[in-house]
Amino acid sequence: MSFLPRLSPEEFEELFLLFTRAIYQVGGIGPKEARKLQIQLRERLQKIWDATEPKPMPLVFDDFRQSVIEQFLDRLRKQDPRFRRPRF
């Protein structure tokens, strides 16, 4: 959606790495650490949303968060054609 805030390329990369560590890293981290990373990702996205002025009127934070996650999933699919989207 064009009305949503845009992430800078550096910020996008940083959040993408956080997302992949929190959601898709198999082994290496436990469930508690994964949950902490998920919370950290959500808090970072919330800060970006809160800093956006003026807010896109009909849209809410969850629309923004979902849009960013869709971009992350699209990138994962481009990196690995065998990638399957998780069912939420």
PDB file of N, CA and C in Angstrom:
ATOM      1  N   MET A   1       0.838  -1.169   0.000  1.00  0.00           N
ATOM      2  CA  MET A   1       0.000   0.000   0.000  1.00  0.00           C
ATOM      3  C   MET A   1       0.886   1.237   0.000  1.00  0.00           C
ATOM      4  N   SER A   2       0.601   2.137  -0.856  1.00  0.00           N
ATOM      5  CA  SER A   2       1.444   3.310  -0.999  1.00  0.00           C
ATOM      6  C   SER A   2       1.266   4.310   0.140  1.00  0.00           C
ATOM      7  N   PHE A   3       0.203   4.205   0.904  1.00  0.00           N
ATOM      8  CA  PHE A   3      -0.039   5.146   1.991  1.00  0.00           C
ATOM      9  C   PHE A   3       0.760   4.815   3.246  1.00  0.00           C
ATOM     10  N   LEU A   4       1.304   3.614   3.305  1.00  0.00           N
ATOM     11  CA  LEU A   4       2.025   3.186   4.498  1.00  0.00           C
ATOM     12  C   LEU A   4       3.427   3.773   4.531  1.00  0.00           C
ATOM     13  N   PRO A   5       3.999   3.940   5.717  1.00  0.00           N
ATOM     14  CA  PRO A   5       5.371   4.460   5.826  1.00  0.00           C
ATOM     15  C   PRO A   5       6.355   3.536   5.119  1.00  0.00           C
ATOM     16  N   ARG A   6       7.372   4.115   4.539  1.00  0.00           N
ATOM     17  CA  ARG A   6       8.424   3.360   3.872  1.00  0.00           C
ATOM     18  C   ARG A   6       9.607   3.197   4.815  1.00  0.00           C
ATOM     19  N   LEU A   7      10.228   2.030   4.755  1.00  0.00           N
ATOM     20  CA  LEU A   7      11.431   1.778   5.533  1.00  0.00           C
ATOM     21  C   LEU A   7      12.638   2.115   4.676  1.00  0.00           C
ATOM     22  N   SER A   8      13.670   2.674   5.289  1.00  0.00           N
ATOM     23  CA  SER A   8      14.908   2.907   4.546  1.00  0.00           C
ATOM     24  C   SER A   8      15.529   1.538   4.235  1.00  0.00           C
ATOM     25  N   PRO A   9      16.358   1.447   3.192  1.00  0.00           N
ATOM     26  CA  PRO A   9      16.973   0.143   2.864  1.00  0.00           C
ATOM     27  C   PRO A   9      17.763  -0.457   4.026  1.00  0.00           C
ATOM     28  N   GLU A  10      18.478   0.385   4.773  1.00  0.00           N
ATOM     29  CA  GLU A  10      19.259  -0.121   5.906  1.00  0.00           C
ATOM     30  C   GLU A  10      18.336  -0.652   6.998  1.00  0.00           C
ATOM     31  N   GLU A  11      17.278   0.103   7.272  1.00  0.00           N
ATOM     32  CA  GLU A  11      16.316  -0.306   8.297  1.00  0.00           C
ATOM     33  C   GLU A  11      15.599  -1.590   7.879  1.00  0.00           C
ATOM     34  N   PHE A  12      15.256  -1.683   6.593  1.00  0.00           N
ATOM     35  CA  PHE A  12      14.600  -2.879   6.078  1.00  0.00           C
ATOM     36  C   PHE A  12      15.500  -4.095   6.273  1.00  0.00           C
ATOM     37  N   GLU A  13      16.795  -3.964   5.936  1.00  0.00           N
ATOM     38  CA  GLU A  13      17.737  -5.077   6.089  1.00  0.00           C
ATOM     39  C   GLU A  13      17.859  -5.502   7.544  1.00  0.00           C
ATOM     40  N   GLU A  14      17.968  -4.528   8.428  1.00  0.00           N
ATOM     41  CA  GLU A  14      18.101  -4.826   9.847  1.00  0.00           C
ATOM     42  C   GLU A  14      16.866  -5.560  10.380  1.00  0.00           C
ATOM     43  N   LEU A  15      15.690  -5.067  10.022  1.00  0.00           N
ATOM     44  CA  LEU A  15      14.449  -5.700  10.476  1.00  0.00           C
ATOM     45  C   LEU A  15      14.253  -7.063   9.821  1.00  0.00           C
ATOM     46  N   PHE A  16      14.682  -7.201   8.565  1.00  0.00           N
ATOM     47  CA  PHE A  16      14.576  -8.489   7.891  1.00  0.00           C
ATOM     48  C   PHE A  16      15.428  -9.540   8.599  1.00  0.00           C
ATOM     49  N   LEU A  17      16.646  -9.172   8.985  1.00  0.00           N
ATOM     50  CA  LEU A  17      17.503 -10.108   9.717  1.00  0.00           C
ATOM     51  C   LEU A  17      16.888 -10.482  11.065  1.00  0.00           C
ATOM     52  N   LEU A  18      16.314  -9.507  11.732  1.00  0.00           N
ATOM     53  CA  LEU A  18      15.633  -9.768  13.004  1.00  0.00           C
ATOM     54  C   LEU A  18      14.456 -10.719  12.783  1.00  0.00           C
ATOM     55  N   PHE A  19      13.701 -10.489  11.719  1.00  0.00           N
ATOM     56  CA  PHE A  19      12.551 -11.338  11.387  1.00  0.00           C
ATOM     57  C   PHE A  19      12.995 -12.776  11.123  1.00  0.00           C
ATOM     58  N   THR A  20      14.029 -12.945  10.305  1.00  0.00           N
ATOM     59  CA  THR A  20      14.471 -14.308   9.981  1.00  0.00           C
ATOM     60  C   THR A  20      15.026 -15.017  11.202  1.00  0.00           C
ATOM     61  N   ARG A  21      15.704 -14.288  12.079  1.00  0.00           N
ATOM     62  CA  ARG A  21      16.196 -14.912  13.313  1.00  0.00           C
ATOM     63  C   ARG A  21      15.038 -15.312  14.219  1.00  0.00           C
ATOM     64  N   ALA A  22      14.020 -14.470  14.294  1.00  0.00           N
ATOM     65  CA  ALA A  22      12.911 -14.709  15.215  1.00  0.00           C
ATOM     66  C   ALA A  22      11.971 -15.794  14.723  1.00  0.00           C
ATOM     67  N   ILE A  23      11.758 -15.884  13.430  1.00  0.00           N
ATOM     68  CA  ILE A  23      10.723 -16.751  12.888  1.00  0.00           C
ATOM     69  C   ILE A  23      11.269 -18.022  12.241  1.00  0.00           C
ATOM     70  N   TYR A  24      12.354 -17.894  11.491  1.00  0.00           N
ATOM     71  CA  TYR A  24      12.757 -19.001  10.629  1.00  0.00           C
ATOM     72  C   TYR A  24      14.064 -19.677  10.974  1.00  0.00           C
ATOM     73  N   GLN A  25      14.752 -19.233  11.990  1.00  0.00           N
ATOM     74  CA  GLN A  25      16.008 -19.880  12.331  1.00  0.00           C
ATOM     75  C   GLN A  25      15.709 -21.183  13.070  1.00  0.00           C
ATOM     76  N   VAL A  26      16.098 -22.273  12.463  1.00  0.00           N
ATOM     77  CA  VAL A  26      15.852 -23.581  13.058  1.00  0.00           C
ATOM     78  C   VAL A  26      17.039 -23.931  13.943  1.00  0.00           C
ATOM     79  N   GLY A  27      16.752 -24.309  15.168  1.00  0.00           N
ATOM     80  CA  GLY A  27      17.823 -24.613  16.104  1.00  0.00           C
ATOM     81  C   GLY A  27      18.531 -23.334  16.519  1.00  0.00           C
ATOM     82  N   GLY A  28      19.540 -23.448  17.316  1.00  0.00           N
ATOM     83  CA  GLY A  28      20.330 -22.284  17.690  1.00  0.00           C
ATOM     84  C   GLY A  28      19.709 -21.421  18.772  1.00  0.00           C
ATOM     85  N   ILE A  29      18.415 -21.147  18.679  1.00  0.00           N
ATOM     86  CA  ILE A  29      17.764 -20.338  19.707  1.00  0.00           C
ATOM     87  C   ILE A  29      16.551 -21.089  20.224  1.00  0.00           C
ATOM     88  N   GLY A  30      16.248 -20.838  21.468  1.00  0.00           N
ATOM     89  CA  GLY A  30      15.100 -21.486  22.085  1.00  0.00           C
ATOM     90  C   GLY A  30      13.830 -20.675  21.894  1.00  0.00           C
ATOM     91  N   PRO A  31      12.708 -21.230  22.324  1.00  0.00           N
ATOM     92  CA  PRO A  31      11.431 -20.536  22.170  1.00  0.00           C
ATOM     93  C   PRO A  31      11.371 -19.192  22.896  1.00  0.00           C
ATOM     94  N   LYS A  32      12.011 -19.101  24.059  1.00  0.00           N
ATOM     95  CA  LYS A  32      11.992 -17.839  24.800  1.00  0.00           C
ATOM     96  C   LYS A  32      12.753 -16.758  24.043  1.00  0.00           C
ATOM     97  N   GLU A  33      13.902 -17.115  23.496  1.00  0.00           N
ATOM     98  CA  GLU A  33      14.694 -16.154  22.723  1.00  0.00           C
ATOM     99  C   GLU A  33      13.950 -15.752  21.444  1.00  0.00           C
ATOM    100  N   ALA A  34      13.315 -16.706  20.793  1.00  0.00           N
ATOM    101  CA  ALA A  34      12.539 -16.391  19.585  1.00  0.00           C
ATOM    102  C   ALA A  34      11.396 -15.437  19.914  1.00  0.00           C
ATOM    103  N   ARG A  35      10.742 -15.656  21.028  1.00  0.00           N
ATOM    104  CA  ARG A  35       9.640 -14.778  21.433  1.00  0.00           C
ATOM    105  C   ARG A  35      10.148 -13.371  21.733  1.00  0.00           C
ATOM    106  N   LYS A  36      11.312 -13.264  22.381  1.00  0.00           N
ATOM    107  CA  LYS A  36      11.900 -11.956  22.654  1.00  0.00           C
ATOM    108  C   LYS A  36      12.207 -11.216  21.357  1.00  0.00           C
ATOM    109  N   LEU A  37      12.723 -11.939  20.359  1.00  0.00           N
ATOM    110  CA  LEU A  37      13.023 -11.324  19.067  1.00  0.00           C
ATOM    111  C   LEU A  37      11.742 -10.878  18.355  1.00  0.00           C
ATOM    112  N   GLN A  38      10.683 -11.671  18.466  1.00  0.00           N
ATOM    113  CA  GLN A  38       9.404 -11.286  17.868  1.00  0.00           C
ATOM    114  C   GLN A  38       8.859 -10.017  18.514  1.00  0.00           C
ATOM    115  N   ILE A  39       8.981  -9.929  19.829  1.00  0.00           N
ATOM    116  CA  ILE A  39       8.527  -8.738  20.550  1.00  0.00           C
ATOM    117  C   ILE A  39       9.376  -7.536  20.159  1.00  0.00           C
ATOM    118  N   GLN A  40      10.670  -7.745  20.029  1.00  0.00           N
ATOM    119  CA  GLN A  40      11.562  -6.663  19.624  1.00  0.00           C
ATOM    120  C   GLN A  40      11.209  -6.160  18.223  1.00  0.00           C
ATOM    121  N   LEU A  41      10.906  -7.060  17.309  1.00  0.00           N
ATOM    122  CA  LEU A  41      10.503  -6.672  15.956  1.00  0.00           C
ATOM    123  C   LEU A  41       9.219  -5.857  15.997  1.00  0.00           C
ATOM    124  N   ARG A  42       8.250  -6.323  16.744  1.00  0.00           N
ATOM    125  CA  ARG A  42       6.976  -5.599  16.847  1.00  0.00           C
ATOM    126  C   ARG A  42       7.168  -4.207  17.455  1.00  0.00           C
ATOM    127  N   GLU A  43       8.018  -4.101  18.481  1.00  0.00           N
ATOM    128  CA  GLU A  43       8.272  -2.807  19.109  1.00  0.00           C
ATOM    129  C   GLU A  43       8.959  -1.848  18.139  1.00  0.00           C
ATOM    130  N   ARG A  44       9.901  -2.351  17.352  1.00  0.00           N
ATOM    131  CA  ARG A  44      10.573  -1.498  16.369  1.00  0.00           C
ATOM    132  C   ARG A  44       9.595  -1.006  15.319  1.00  0.00           C
ATOM    133  N   LEU A  45       8.722  -1.891  14.849  1.00  0.00           N
ATOM    134  CA  LEU A  45       7.715  -1.475  13.866  1.00  0.00           C
ATOM    135  C   LEU A  45       6.743  -0.475  14.479  1.00  0.00           C
ATOM    136  N   GLN A  46       6.403  -0.670  15.754  1.00  0.00           N
ATOM    137  CA  GLN A  46       5.498   0.258  16.431  1.00  0.00           C
ATOM    138  C   GLN A  46       6.128   1.648  16.529  1.00  0.00           C
ATOM    139  N   LYS A  47       7.433   1.722  16.814  1.00  0.00           N
ATOM    140  CA  LYS A  47       8.118   3.010  16.881  1.00  0.00           C
ATOM    141  C   LYS A  47       8.089   3.711  15.523  1.00  0.00           C
ATOM    142  N   ILE A  48       8.304   2.964  14.465  1.00  0.00           N
ATOM    143  CA  ILE A  48       8.259   3.550  13.118  1.00  0.00           C
ATOM    144  C   ILE A  48       6.867   4.076  12.838  1.00  0.00           C
ATOM    145  N   TRP A  49       5.853   3.281  13.186  1.00  0.00           N
ATOM    146  CA  TRP A  49       4.465   3.701  12.961  1.00  0.00           C
ATOM    147  C   TRP A  49       4.128   4.951  13.777  1.00  0.00           C
ATOM    148  N   ASP A  50       4.558   4.967  15.035  1.00  0.00           N
ATOM    149  CA  ASP A  50       4.261   6.108  15.904  1.00  0.00           C
ATOM    150  C   ASP A  50       4.947   7.388  15.412  1.00  0.00           C
ATOM    151  N   ALA A  51       6.110   7.253  14.769  1.00  0.00           N
ATOM    152  CA  ALA A  51       6.838   8.422  14.278  1.00  0.00           C
ATOM    153  C   ALA A  51       6.246   8.968  12.981  1.00  0.00           C
ATOM    154  N   THR A  52       5.348   8.235  12.359  1.00  0.00           N
ATOM    155  CA  THR A  52       4.746   8.653  11.105  1.00  0.00           C
ATOM    156  C   THR A  52       3.696   9.724  11.356  1.00  0.00           C
ATOM    157  N   GLU A  53       3.897  10.864  10.736  1.00  0.00           N
ATOM    158  CA  GLU A  53       2.926  11.952  10.818  1.00  0.00           C
ATOM    159  C   GLU A  53       2.739  12.521   9.439  1.00  0.00           C
ATOM    160  N   PRO A  54       1.612  12.779   8.964  1.00  0.00           N
ATOM    161  CA  PRO A  54       0.314  12.386   9.520  1.00  0.00           C
ATOM    162  C   PRO A  54       0.063  10.906   9.257  1.00  0.00           C
ATOM    163  N   LYS A  55      -0.745  10.328  10.080  1.00  0.00           N
ATOM    164  CA  LYS A  55      -1.088   8.910   9.932  1.00  0.00           C
ATOM    165  C   LYS A  55      -2.017   8.725   8.729  1.00  0.00           C
ATOM    166  N   PRO A  56      -1.812   7.649   7.968  1.00  0.00           N
ATOM    167  CA  PRO A  56      -2.757   7.354   6.895  1.00  0.00           C
ATOM    168  C   PRO A  56      -4.107   7.000   7.527  1.00  0.00           C
ATOM    169  N   MET A  57      -5.124   7.760   7.243  1.00  0.00           N
ATOM    170  CA  MET A  57      -6.372   7.713   7.998  1.00  0.00           C
ATOM    171  C   MET A  57      -7.051   6.352   8.103  1.00  0.00           C
ATOM    172  N   PRO A  58      -7.361   5.657   7.038  1.00  0.00           N
ATOM    173  CA  PRO A  58      -8.120   4.420   7.245  1.00  0.00           C
ATOM    174  C   PRO A  58      -7.258   3.249   7.707  1.00  0.00           C
ATOM    175  N   LEU A  59      -5.928   3.433   7.733  1.00  0.00           N
ATOM    176  CA  LEU A  59      -5.030   2.337   8.052  1.00  0.00           C
ATOM    177  C   LEU A  59      -4.599   2.385   9.512  1.00  0.00           C
ATOM    178  N   VAL A  60      -4.282   1.215  10.049  1.00  0.00           N
ATOM    179  CA  VAL A  60      -3.851   1.103  11.440  1.00  0.00           C
ATOM    180  C   VAL A  60      -2.506   0.390  11.487  1.00  0.00           C
ATOM    181  N   PHE A  61      -1.919   0.308  12.676  1.00  0.00           N
ATOM    182  CA  PHE A  61      -0.614  -0.314  12.843  1.00  0.00           C
ATOM    183  C   PHE A  61      -0.585  -1.731  12.294  1.00  0.00           C
ATOM    184  N   ASP A  62      -1.628  -2.512  12.519  1.00  0.00           N
ATOM    185  CA  ASP A  62      -1.637  -3.893  12.045  1.00  0.00           C
ATOM    186  C   ASP A  62      -1.550  -3.981  10.526  1.00  0.00           C
ATOM    187  N   ASP A  63      -2.103  -3.012   9.814  1.00  0.00           N
ATOM    188  CA  ASP A  63      -1.969  -2.973   8.353  1.00  0.00           C
ATOM    189  C   ASP A  63      -0.503  -2.757   7.966  1.00  0.00           C
ATOM    190  N   PHE A  64       0.154  -1.852   8.667  1.00  0.00           N
ATOM    191  CA  PHE A  64       1.559  -1.572   8.418  1.00  0.00           C
ATOM    192  C   PHE A  64       2.413  -2.798   8.724  1.00  0.00           C
ATOM    193  N   ARG A  65       2.192  -3.397   9.887  1.00  0.00           N
ATOM    194  CA  ARG A  65       2.973  -4.581  10.279  1.00  0.00           C
ATOM    195  C   ARG A  65       2.782  -5.706   9.272  1.00  0.00           C
ATOM    196  N   GLN A  66       1.544  -5.945   8.855  1.00  0.00           N
ATOM    197  CA  GLN A  66       1.263  -7.002   7.888  1.00  0.00           C
ATOM    198  C   GLN A  66       1.936  -6.719   6.544  1.00  0.00           C
ATOM    199  N   SER A  67       1.954  -5.465   6.140  1.00  0.00           N
ATOM    200  CA  SER A  67       2.599  -5.080   4.888  1.00  0.00           C
ATOM    201  C   SER A  67       4.100  -5.366   4.930  1.00  0.00           C
ATOM    202  N   VAL A  68       4.741  -5.032   6.045  1.00  0.00           N
ATOM    203  CA  VAL A  68       6.177  -5.269   6.181  1.00  0.00           C
ATOM    204  C   VAL A  68       6.458  -6.769   6.188  1.00  0.00           C
ATOM    205  N   ILE A  69       5.664  -7.532   6.899  1.00  0.00           N
ATOM    206  CA  ILE A  69       5.859  -8.988   6.947  1.00  0.00           C
ATOM    207  C   ILE A  69       5.650  -9.597   5.567  1.00  0.00           C
ATOM    208  N   GLU A  70       4.686  -9.102   4.808  1.00  0.00           N
ATOM    209  CA  GLU A  70       4.472  -9.570   3.426  1.00  0.00           C
ATOM    210  C   GLU A  70       5.720  -9.310   2.582  1.00  0.00           C
ATOM    211  N   GLN A  71       6.344  -8.155   2.772  1.00  0.00           N
ATOM    212  CA  GLN A  71       7.576  -7.851   2.037  1.00  0.00           C
ATOM    213  C   GLN A  71       8.684  -8.824   2.422  1.00  0.00           C
ATOM    214  N   PHE A  72       8.779  -9.141   3.713  1.00  0.00           N
ATOM    215  CA  PHE A  72       9.783 -10.104   4.167  1.00  0.00           C
ATOM    216  C   PHE A  72       9.534 -11.480   3.549  1.00  0.00           C
ATOM    217  N   LEU A  73       8.288 -11.919   3.548  1.00  0.00           N
ATOM    218  CA  LEU A  73       7.960 -13.230   2.997  1.00  0.00           C
ATOM    219  C   LEU A  73       8.203 -13.270   1.496  1.00  0.00           C
ATOM    220  N   ASP A  74       7.896 -12.182   0.800  1.00  0.00           N
ATOM    221  CA  ASP A  74       8.176 -12.113  -0.640  1.00  0.00           C
ATOM    222  C   ASP A  74       9.672 -12.226  -0.905  1.00  0.00           C
ATOM    223  N   ARG A  75      10.454 -11.563  -0.075  1.00  0.00           N
ATOM    224  CA  ARG A  75      11.903 -11.647  -0.253  1.00  0.00           C
ATOM    225  C   ARG A  75      12.408 -13.060   0.005  1.00  0.00           C
ATOM    226  N   LEU A  76      11.896 -13.719   1.021  1.00  0.00           N
ATOM    227  CA  LEU A  76      12.296 -15.101   1.286  1.00  0.00           C
ATOM    228  C   LEU A  76      11.937 -16.005   0.114  1.00  0.00           C
ATOM    229  N   ARG A  77      10.780 -15.770  -0.495  1.00  0.00           N
ATOM    230  CA  ARG A  77      10.356 -16.572  -1.642  1.00  0.00           C
ATOM    231  C   ARG A  77      11.271 -16.323  -2.846  1.00  0.00           C
ATOM    232  N   LYS A  78      11.724 -15.095  -3.031  1.00  0.00           N
ATOM    233  CA  LYS A  78      12.640 -14.783  -4.135  1.00  0.00           C
ATOM    234  C   LYS A  78      14.001 -15.416  -3.909  1.00  0.00           C
ATOM    235  N   GLN A  79      14.441 -15.468  -2.650  1.00  0.00           N
ATOM    236  CA  GLN A  79      15.740 -16.056  -2.330  1.00  0.00           C
ATOM    237  C   GLN A  79      15.738 -17.567  -2.510  1.00  0.00           C
ATOM    238  N   ASP A  80      14.622 -18.197  -2.192  1.00  0.00           N
ATOM    239  CA  ASP A  80      14.525 -19.652  -2.286  1.00  0.00           C
ATOM    240  C   ASP A  80      13.175 -20.012  -2.897  1.00  0.00           C
ATOM    241  N   PRO A  81      13.152 -20.424  -4.166  1.00  0.00           N
ATOM    242  CA  PRO A  81      11.876 -20.735  -4.822  1.00  0.00           C
ATOM    243  C   PRO A  81      11.098 -21.864  -4.133  1.00  0.00           C
ATOM    244  N   ARG A  82      11.784 -22.682  -3.361  1.00  0.00           N
ATOM    245  CA  ARG A  82      11.099 -23.774  -2.660  1.00  0.00           C
ATOM    246  C   ARG A  82      10.448 -23.315  -1.365  1.00  0.00           C
ATOM    247  N   PHE A  83      10.666 -22.047  -1.004  1.00  0.00           N
ATOM    248  CA  PHE A  83      10.120 -21.501   0.235  1.00  0.00           C
ATOM    249  C   PHE A  83       8.593 -21.546   0.195  1.00  0.00           C
ATOM    250  N   ARG A  84       8.014 -22.003   1.275  1.00  0.00           N
ATOM    251  CA  ARG A  84       6.547 -22.029   1.418  1.00  0.00           C
ATOM    252  C   ARG A  84       6.169 -21.112   2.547  1.00  0.00           C
ATOM    253  N   ARG A  85       5.161 -20.298   2.279  1.00  0.00           N
ATOM    254  CA  ARG A  85       4.684 -19.375   3.306  1.00  0.00           C
ATOM    255  C   ARG A  85       4.107 -20.143   4.479  1.00  0.00           C
ATOM    256  N   PRO A  86       4.438 -19.718   5.681  1.00  0.00           N
ATOM    257  CA  PRO A  86       3.827 -20.376   6.853  1.00  0.00           C
ATOM    258  C   PRO A  86       2.354 -19.998   6.934  1.00  0.00           C
ATOM    259  N   ARG A  87       1.598 -20.871   7.511  1.00  0.00           N
ATOM    260  CA  ARG A  87       0.170 -20.580   7.718  1.00  0.00           C
ATOM    261  C   ARG A  87       0.023 -19.935   9.071  1.00  0.00           C
ATOM    262  N   PHE A  88      -0.518 -18.722   9.072  1.00  0.00           N
ATOM    263  CA  PHE A  88      -0.712 -17.992  10.331  1.00  0.00           C
ATOM    264  C   PHE A  88      -2.100 -18.210  10.818  1.00  0.00           C
TER     265      PHE A  88
END
